[in-house]
């Protein structure tokens, strides 16, 4: 369960870093803010992965508590 939580935290950290890079206009070739850019998909995949991992950790915790 800790591995799932740590990985989810890492994904959320990537989301924060992508938003920070967009705000600071770092790596303009990533096309931050554009709908079909690599930066958009990096942010999207990281956010969805974090949610899935957090839900998985919650399910594991519920199953172990019985």
N, C-alpha and C. Protein backbone atom coordinates (compact mmCIF):
# COMPACT_ATOMS: atom_id res chain seq x y z
N UNK A 1 0.82 -1.18 0.00
CA UNK A 1 0.00 0.00 0.00
C UNK A 1 0.87 1.26 0.00
N UNK A 2 1.96 1.24 0.71
CA UNK A 2 2.85 2.41 0.74
C UNK A 2 3.42 2.71 -0.63
N UNK A 3 3.72 1.65 -1.38
CA UNK A 3 4.24 1.85 -2.74
C UNK A 3 3.21 2.57 -3.60
N UNK A 4 1.95 2.19 -3.48
CA UNK A 4 0.89 2.85 -4.25
C UNK A 4 0.78 4.33 -3.87
N UNK A 5 0.84 4.60 -2.57
CA UNK A 5 0.74 5.98 -2.11
C UNK A 5 1.94 6.82 -2.54
N UNK A 6 3.13 6.24 -2.44
CA UNK A 6 4.33 6.98 -2.87
C UNK A 6 4.32 7.24 -4.37
N UNK A 7 3.88 6.27 -5.14
CA UNK A 7 3.79 6.46 -6.59
C UNK A 7 2.75 7.51 -6.94
N UNK A 8 1.61 7.50 -6.23
CA UNK A 8 0.58 8.51 -6.45
C UNK A 8 1.11 9.91 -6.11
N UNK A 9 1.86 10.00 -5.02
CA UNK A 9 2.47 11.29 -4.66
C UNK A 9 3.45 11.76 -5.73
N UNK A 10 4.20 10.82 -6.28
CA UNK A 10 5.12 11.16 -7.37
C UNK A 10 4.38 11.67 -8.59
N UNK A 11 3.25 11.05 -8.92
CA UNK A 11 2.44 11.51 -10.06
C UNK A 11 1.88 12.91 -9.80
N UNK A 12 1.42 13.16 -8.58
CA UNK A 12 0.92 14.49 -8.25
C UNK A 12 2.03 15.53 -8.29
N UNK A 13 3.23 15.12 -7.91
CA UNK A 13 4.39 16.01 -8.00
C UNK A 13 4.67 16.37 -9.47
N UNK A 14 4.53 15.41 -10.37
CA UNK A 14 4.71 15.68 -11.80
C UNK A 14 3.65 16.67 -12.29
N UNK A 15 2.42 16.53 -11.81
CA UNK A 15 1.36 17.47 -12.18
C UNK A 15 1.74 18.88 -11.74
N UNK A 16 2.21 19.01 -10.51
CA UNK A 16 2.62 20.32 -10.01
C UNK A 16 3.78 20.88 -10.84
N UNK A 17 4.75 20.03 -11.16
CA UNK A 17 5.88 20.49 -11.96
C UNK A 17 5.47 20.91 -13.37
N UNK A 18 4.52 20.20 -13.97
CA UNK A 18 4.08 20.60 -15.31
C UNK A 18 3.37 21.95 -15.27
N UNK A 19 2.57 22.17 -14.23
CA UNK A 19 1.91 23.48 -14.13
C UNK A 19 2.91 24.59 -13.84
N UNK A 20 3.91 24.29 -13.06
CA UNK A 20 4.96 25.27 -12.78
C UNK A 20 5.76 25.59 -14.05
N UNK A 21 6.09 24.56 -14.81
CA UNK A 21 6.82 24.76 -16.07
C UNK A 21 5.98 25.56 -17.06
N UNK A 22 4.67 25.31 -17.08
CA UNK A 22 3.79 26.08 -17.96
C UNK A 22 3.76 27.55 -17.53
N UNK A 23 3.66 27.79 -16.22
CA UNK A 23 3.59 29.15 -15.71
C UNK A 23 4.89 29.91 -15.98
N UNK A 24 6.03 29.22 -15.83
CA UNK A 24 7.32 29.86 -16.04
C UNK A 24 7.76 29.87 -17.50
N UNK A 25 6.95 29.24 -18.35
CA UNK A 25 7.23 29.13 -19.79
C UNK A 25 8.57 28.42 -20.06
N UNK A 26 8.81 27.36 -19.29
CA UNK A 26 9.99 26.52 -19.51
C UNK A 26 9.68 25.51 -20.60
N UNK A 27 10.68 25.10 -21.32
CA UNK A 27 10.54 24.11 -22.38
C UNK A 27 9.40 24.46 -23.34
N UNK A 28 9.51 25.55 -24.08
CA UNK A 28 8.41 25.96 -24.96
C UNK A 28 8.08 24.92 -26.03
N UNK A 29 9.03 24.04 -26.35
CA UNK A 29 8.75 23.01 -27.36
C UNK A 29 7.74 21.97 -26.87
N UNK A 30 7.46 21.95 -25.56
CA UNK A 30 6.45 21.04 -25.04
C UNK A 30 5.04 21.56 -25.33
N UNK A 31 4.90 22.81 -25.73
CA UNK A 31 3.60 23.37 -26.08
C UNK A 31 2.65 23.42 -24.90
N UNK A 32 3.13 23.88 -23.76
CA UNK A 32 2.30 23.94 -22.55
C UNK A 32 1.02 24.71 -22.83
N UNK A 33 -0.10 24.17 -22.40
CA UNK A 33 -1.39 24.84 -22.54
C UNK A 33 -2.12 24.54 -23.82
N UNK A 34 -1.47 23.94 -24.78
CA UNK A 34 -2.14 23.60 -26.03
C UNK A 34 -2.81 22.23 -25.89
N UNK A 35 -3.98 22.05 -26.50
CA UNK A 35 -4.75 20.82 -26.28
C UNK A 35 -4.05 19.52 -26.72
N UNK A 36 -3.32 19.53 -27.79
CA UNK A 36 -2.71 18.29 -28.30
C UNK A 36 -1.19 18.28 -28.15
N UNK A 37 -0.69 18.93 -27.13
CA UNK A 37 0.75 19.01 -26.93
C UNK A 37 1.24 17.91 -25.99
N UNK A 38 2.52 17.59 -26.06
CA UNK A 38 3.07 16.60 -25.12
C UNK A 38 2.92 17.02 -23.66
N UNK A 39 3.03 18.31 -23.38
CA UNK A 39 2.87 18.80 -22.02
C UNK A 39 1.47 18.55 -21.48
N UNK A 40 0.49 18.71 -22.34
CA UNK A 40 -0.90 18.46 -21.94
C UNK A 40 -1.10 16.99 -21.59
N UNK A 41 -0.56 16.11 -22.41
CA UNK A 41 -0.73 14.68 -22.17
C UNK A 41 0.09 14.21 -20.96
N UNK A 42 1.24 14.80 -20.73
CA UNK A 42 2.01 14.47 -19.53
C UNK A 42 1.22 14.83 -18.28
N UNK A 43 0.61 16.00 -18.27
CA UNK A 43 -0.20 16.44 -17.16
C UNK A 43 -1.42 15.54 -16.98
N UNK A 44 -2.10 15.23 -18.07
CA UNK A 44 -3.30 14.41 -18.02
C UNK A 44 -3.01 12.99 -17.52
N UNK A 45 -1.99 12.37 -18.07
CA UNK A 45 -1.65 11.00 -17.69
C UNK A 45 -1.21 10.95 -16.22
N UNK A 46 -0.46 11.94 -15.79
CA UNK A 46 -0.01 11.98 -14.39
C UNK A 46 -1.19 12.14 -13.44
N UNK A 47 -2.13 13.00 -13.77
CA UNK A 47 -3.29 13.23 -12.90
C UNK A 47 -4.18 11.99 -12.84
N UNK A 48 -4.45 11.37 -13.98
CA UNK A 48 -5.29 10.17 -14.00
C UNK A 48 -4.60 9.03 -13.27
N UNK A 49 -3.30 8.89 -13.45
CA UNK A 49 -2.55 7.84 -12.76
C UNK A 49 -2.59 8.05 -11.25
N UNK A 50 -2.44 9.28 -10.80
CA UNK A 50 -2.48 9.57 -9.37
C UNK A 50 -3.83 9.21 -8.78
N UNK A 51 -4.90 9.55 -9.47
CA UNK A 51 -6.25 9.22 -8.98
C UNK A 51 -6.43 7.71 -8.91
N UNK A 52 -6.01 7.01 -9.96
CA UNK A 52 -6.16 5.55 -9.98
C UNK A 52 -5.35 4.90 -8.87
N UNK A 53 -4.15 5.39 -8.64
CA UNK A 53 -3.31 4.81 -7.59
C UNK A 53 -3.87 5.10 -6.19
N UNK A 54 -4.41 6.28 -5.99
CA UNK A 54 -5.01 6.60 -4.70
C UNK A 54 -6.25 5.74 -4.43
N UNK A 55 -7.06 5.53 -5.45
CA UNK A 55 -8.22 4.66 -5.30
C UNK A 55 -7.78 3.23 -5.02
N UNK A 56 -6.75 2.77 -5.72
CA UNK A 56 -6.23 1.42 -5.50
C UNK A 56 -5.70 1.26 -4.07
N UNK A 57 -5.02 2.26 -3.58
CA UNK A 57 -4.51 2.20 -2.21
C UNK A 57 -5.66 2.15 -1.20
N UNK A 58 -6.72 2.89 -1.47
CA UNK A 58 -7.89 2.85 -0.60
C UNK A 58 -8.56 1.48 -0.60
N UNK A 59 -8.66 0.87 -1.77
CA UNK A 59 -9.26 -0.46 -1.88
C UNK A 59 -8.40 -1.49 -1.14
N UNK A 60 -7.09 -1.40 -1.31
CA UNK A 60 -6.19 -2.32 -0.61
C UNK A 60 -6.35 -2.15 0.90
N UNK A 61 -6.45 -0.93 1.34
CA UNK A 61 -6.61 -0.68 2.79
C UNK A 61 -7.93 -1.26 3.30
N UNK A 62 -9.00 -1.09 2.54
CA UNK A 62 -10.29 -1.65 2.93
C UNK A 62 -10.25 -3.18 2.98
N UNK A 63 -9.60 -3.79 2.00
CA UNK A 63 -9.53 -5.25 1.96
C UNK A 63 -8.66 -5.80 3.09
N UNK A 64 -7.63 -5.09 3.48
CA UNK A 64 -6.75 -5.55 4.56
C UNK A 64 -7.34 -5.34 5.94
N UNK A 65 -8.29 -4.42 6.08
CA UNK A 65 -8.83 -4.12 7.40
C UNK A 65 -9.81 -5.20 7.89
N UNK A 66 -10.31 -6.01 6.99
CA UNK A 66 -11.26 -7.07 7.40
C UNK A 66 -10.60 -8.24 8.03
